N, C-alpha and C. Protein backbone atom coordinates (compact mmCIF):
# COMPACT_ATOMS: atom_id res chain seq x y z
N UNK A 1 120.01 95.91 110.40
CA UNK A 1 118.86 96.79 110.38
C UNK A 1 117.57 96.00 110.28
N UNK A 2 117.59 94.75 110.22
CA UNK A 2 116.43 93.86 110.16
C UNK A 2 115.12 94.58 109.84
N UNK A 3 114.17 94.60 110.80
CA UNK A 3 112.88 95.23 110.58
C UNK A 3 112.83 96.64 111.07
N UNK A 4 113.98 97.21 111.42
CA UNK A 4 114.01 98.57 111.93
C UNK A 4 113.53 99.57 110.89
N UNK A 5 112.81 100.57 111.36
CA UNK A 5 112.45 101.69 110.50
C UNK A 5 113.48 102.78 110.78
N UNK A 6 113.97 103.38 109.72
CA UNK A 6 115.04 104.35 109.84
C UNK A 6 114.55 105.70 109.34
N UNK A 7 114.63 106.70 110.20
CA UNK A 7 114.30 108.06 109.79
C UNK A 7 115.59 108.76 109.39
N UNK A 8 115.58 109.39 108.23
CA UNK A 8 116.75 110.08 107.72
C UNK A 8 116.53 111.58 107.85
N UNK A 9 117.44 112.24 108.55
CA UNK A 9 117.36 113.69 108.71
C UNK A 9 117.57 114.37 107.36
N UNK A 10 117.00 115.54 107.20
CA UNK A 10 117.06 116.22 105.91
C UNK A 10 118.48 116.55 105.47
N UNK A 11 119.40 116.75 106.41
CA UNK A 11 120.77 117.07 105.97
C UNK A 11 121.39 115.91 105.20
N UNK A 12 121.03 114.68 105.54
CA UNK A 12 121.54 113.53 104.77
C UNK A 12 120.96 113.56 103.36
N UNK A 13 119.70 113.91 103.25
CA UNK A 13 119.08 114.02 101.92
C UNK A 13 119.73 115.13 101.10
N UNK A 14 120.02 116.25 101.74
CA UNK A 14 120.66 117.36 101.05
C UNK A 14 122.06 116.96 100.57
N UNK A 15 122.84 116.34 101.45
CA UNK A 15 124.17 115.88 101.05
C UNK A 15 124.08 114.87 99.91
N UNK A 16 123.06 114.05 99.92
CA UNK A 16 122.89 113.07 98.86
C UNK A 16 122.67 113.69 97.49
N UNK A 17 122.18 114.92 97.47
CA UNK A 17 121.92 115.61 96.21
C UNK A 17 122.97 116.66 95.89
N UNK A 18 123.74 117.07 96.87
CA UNK A 18 124.72 118.14 96.68
C UNK A 18 126.07 117.56 96.25
N UNK A 19 126.32 117.55 94.97
CA UNK A 19 127.56 116.96 94.45
C UNK A 19 128.79 117.74 94.88
N UNK A 20 128.61 118.96 95.35
CA UNK A 20 129.74 119.77 95.81
C UNK A 20 130.09 119.53 97.27
N UNK A 21 129.39 118.59 97.93
CA UNK A 21 129.64 118.35 99.36
C UNK A 21 130.72 117.30 99.59
N UNK A 22 131.45 116.97 98.54
CA UNK A 22 132.60 116.07 98.67
C UNK A 22 132.25 114.68 99.16
N UNK A 23 133.03 114.17 100.14
CA UNK A 23 132.82 112.80 100.61
C UNK A 23 131.45 112.60 101.25
N UNK A 24 130.87 113.66 101.79
CA UNK A 24 129.54 113.52 102.39
C UNK A 24 128.50 113.13 101.34
N UNK A 25 128.70 113.59 100.10
CA UNK A 25 127.80 113.23 99.02
C UNK A 25 127.83 111.73 98.76
N UNK A 26 129.03 111.17 98.65
CA UNK A 26 129.13 109.73 98.38
C UNK A 26 128.58 108.90 99.54
N UNK A 27 128.87 109.31 100.77
CA UNK A 27 128.38 108.57 101.94
C UNK A 27 126.86 108.63 101.99
N UNK A 28 126.30 109.82 101.82
CA UNK A 28 124.84 109.98 101.88
C UNK A 28 124.17 109.18 100.77
N UNK A 29 124.73 109.20 99.57
CA UNK A 29 124.13 108.45 98.46
C UNK A 29 124.15 106.94 98.74
N UNK A 30 125.27 106.47 99.33
CA UNK A 30 125.36 105.04 99.67
C UNK A 30 124.31 104.67 100.72
N UNK A 31 124.19 105.50 101.75
CA UNK A 31 123.22 105.24 102.83
C UNK A 31 121.80 105.23 102.27
N UNK A 32 121.47 106.23 101.48
CA UNK A 32 120.12 106.32 100.93
C UNK A 32 119.81 105.16 99.98
N UNK A 33 120.77 104.79 99.16
CA UNK A 33 120.58 103.66 98.25
C UNK A 33 120.38 102.38 99.03
N UNK A 34 121.17 102.18 100.07
CA UNK A 34 121.04 100.99 100.91
C UNK A 34 119.66 100.92 101.55
N UNK A 35 119.20 102.04 102.10
CA UNK A 35 117.87 102.07 102.72
C UNK A 35 116.79 101.79 101.70
N UNK A 36 116.94 102.36 100.51
CA UNK A 36 115.94 102.16 99.46
C UNK A 36 115.90 100.69 99.03
N UNK A 37 117.06 100.08 98.84
CA UNK A 37 117.11 98.68 98.40
C UNK A 37 116.54 97.73 99.45
N UNK A 38 116.65 98.12 100.71
CA UNK A 38 116.12 97.29 101.79
C UNK A 38 114.65 97.59 102.07
N UNK A 39 114.04 98.37 101.18
CA UNK A 39 112.62 98.74 101.30
C UNK A 39 112.37 99.60 102.53
N UNK A 40 113.37 100.35 102.96
CA UNK A 40 113.21 101.25 104.09
C UNK A 40 112.84 102.64 103.60
N UNK A 41 112.86 102.86 102.29
CA UNK A 41 112.62 104.17 101.70
C UNK A 41 111.17 104.52 101.52
N UNK A 42 110.27 103.79 102.15
CA UNK A 42 108.85 104.06 101.98
C UNK A 42 108.27 104.89 103.12
N UNK A 43 109.10 105.34 104.03
CA UNK A 43 108.59 106.10 105.17
C UNK A 43 107.91 107.39 104.75
N UNK A 44 108.34 108.00 103.65
CA UNK A 44 107.69 109.22 103.19
C UNK A 44 106.23 108.94 102.83
N UNK A 45 105.96 107.77 102.29
CA UNK A 45 104.58 107.40 101.94
C UNK A 45 103.75 107.25 103.22
N UNK A 46 104.31 106.60 104.23
CA UNK A 46 103.60 106.42 105.50
C UNK A 46 103.30 107.76 106.15
N UNK A 47 104.29 108.65 106.16
CA UNK A 47 104.09 109.97 106.77
C UNK A 47 103.03 110.76 106.02
N UNK A 48 103.07 110.70 104.69
CA UNK A 48 102.08 111.41 103.89
C UNK A 48 100.68 110.84 104.12
N UNK A 49 100.58 109.54 104.23
CA UNK A 49 99.30 108.89 104.47
C UNK A 49 98.73 109.30 105.82
N UNK A 50 99.58 109.30 106.85
CA UNK A 50 99.12 109.70 108.19
C UNK A 50 98.69 111.16 108.22
N UNK A 51 99.26 111.98 107.36
CA UNK A 51 98.90 113.40 107.31
C UNK A 51 97.73 113.64 106.37
N UNK A 52 97.17 112.58 105.82
CA UNK A 52 96.03 112.64 104.89
C UNK A 52 96.39 113.42 103.61
N UNK A 53 97.65 113.34 103.19
CA UNK A 53 98.08 113.99 101.95
C UNK A 53 97.54 113.21 100.75
N UNK A 54 97.31 113.90 99.66
CA UNK A 54 96.85 113.24 98.44
C UNK A 54 97.91 113.24 97.35
N UNK A 55 99.00 114.00 97.59
CA UNK A 55 100.04 114.12 96.57
C UNK A 55 101.38 114.35 97.26
N UNK A 56 102.43 113.76 96.69
CA UNK A 56 103.81 114.00 97.12
C UNK A 56 104.56 114.57 95.92
N UNK A 57 105.18 115.73 96.11
CA UNK A 57 106.02 116.31 95.06
C UNK A 57 107.44 115.82 95.27
N UNK A 58 107.97 115.10 94.31
CA UNK A 58 109.29 114.50 94.43
C UNK A 58 109.89 114.28 93.06
N UNK A 59 111.21 114.39 92.98
CA UNK A 59 111.86 114.02 91.72
C UNK A 59 112.55 112.68 91.85
N UNK A 60 112.42 112.04 93.02
CA UNK A 60 113.13 110.80 93.29
C UNK A 60 112.28 109.55 93.11
N UNK A 61 110.97 109.69 93.07
CA UNK A 61 110.10 108.53 92.89
C UNK A 61 109.42 108.64 91.54
N UNK A 62 108.80 107.56 91.10
CA UNK A 62 108.21 107.50 89.76
C UNK A 62 106.99 108.40 89.64
N UNK A 63 107.13 109.47 88.88
CA UNK A 63 106.04 110.43 88.69
C UNK A 63 104.85 109.74 88.03
N UNK A 64 103.66 110.05 88.55
CA UNK A 64 102.44 109.48 88.01
C UNK A 64 101.97 108.23 88.75
N UNK A 65 102.85 107.63 89.53
CA UNK A 65 102.50 106.44 90.29
C UNK A 65 101.63 106.84 91.49
N UNK A 66 100.66 106.01 91.82
CA UNK A 66 99.83 106.23 93.00
C UNK A 66 100.08 105.09 93.98
N UNK A 67 100.44 105.44 95.21
CA UNK A 67 100.69 104.45 96.26
C UNK A 67 99.81 104.81 97.45
N UNK A 68 99.03 103.85 97.91
CA UNK A 68 98.13 104.05 99.05
C UNK A 68 97.25 105.28 98.84
N UNK A 69 96.82 105.51 97.60
CA UNK A 69 95.94 106.63 97.30
C UNK A 69 96.66 107.97 97.19
N UNK A 70 97.99 107.95 97.22
CA UNK A 70 98.77 109.20 97.16
C UNK A 70 99.49 109.25 95.81
N UNK A 71 99.24 110.33 95.07
CA UNK A 71 99.87 110.51 93.76
C UNK A 71 101.28 111.06 93.91
N UNK A 72 102.23 110.43 93.23
CA UNK A 72 103.60 110.94 93.19
C UNK A 72 103.74 111.79 91.94
N UNK A 73 104.24 113.02 92.13
CA UNK A 73 104.35 113.93 90.99
C UNK A 73 105.71 114.63 91.01
N UNK A 74 106.38 114.61 89.87
CA UNK A 74 107.65 115.31 89.73
C UNK A 74 107.35 116.71 89.21
N UNK A 75 107.58 117.75 90.02
CA UNK A 75 107.26 119.11 89.58
C UNK A 75 108.23 119.64 88.52
N UNK A 76 109.30 118.91 88.26
CA UNK A 76 110.32 119.38 87.33
C UNK A 76 110.16 118.84 85.92
N UNK A 77 109.14 118.01 85.69
CA UNK A 77 108.94 117.50 84.33
C UNK A 77 107.57 117.90 83.82
């Protein structure tokens, strides 16, 4: 995957969070973790920046952190 940028479809994200999805959950979690460790998990920041967003609501990134002028906020805490 060298310098490739990888777009992940939402169904992979859903399977990664849905513990009742059986083997798809483990596969999705492995794929997402691998992409994150390879620094491929920053595409959401790029997309938000291009859309001129000022905030991303997420429970997966560090709440309160600001990246490229975009505040990350966990709506569940």
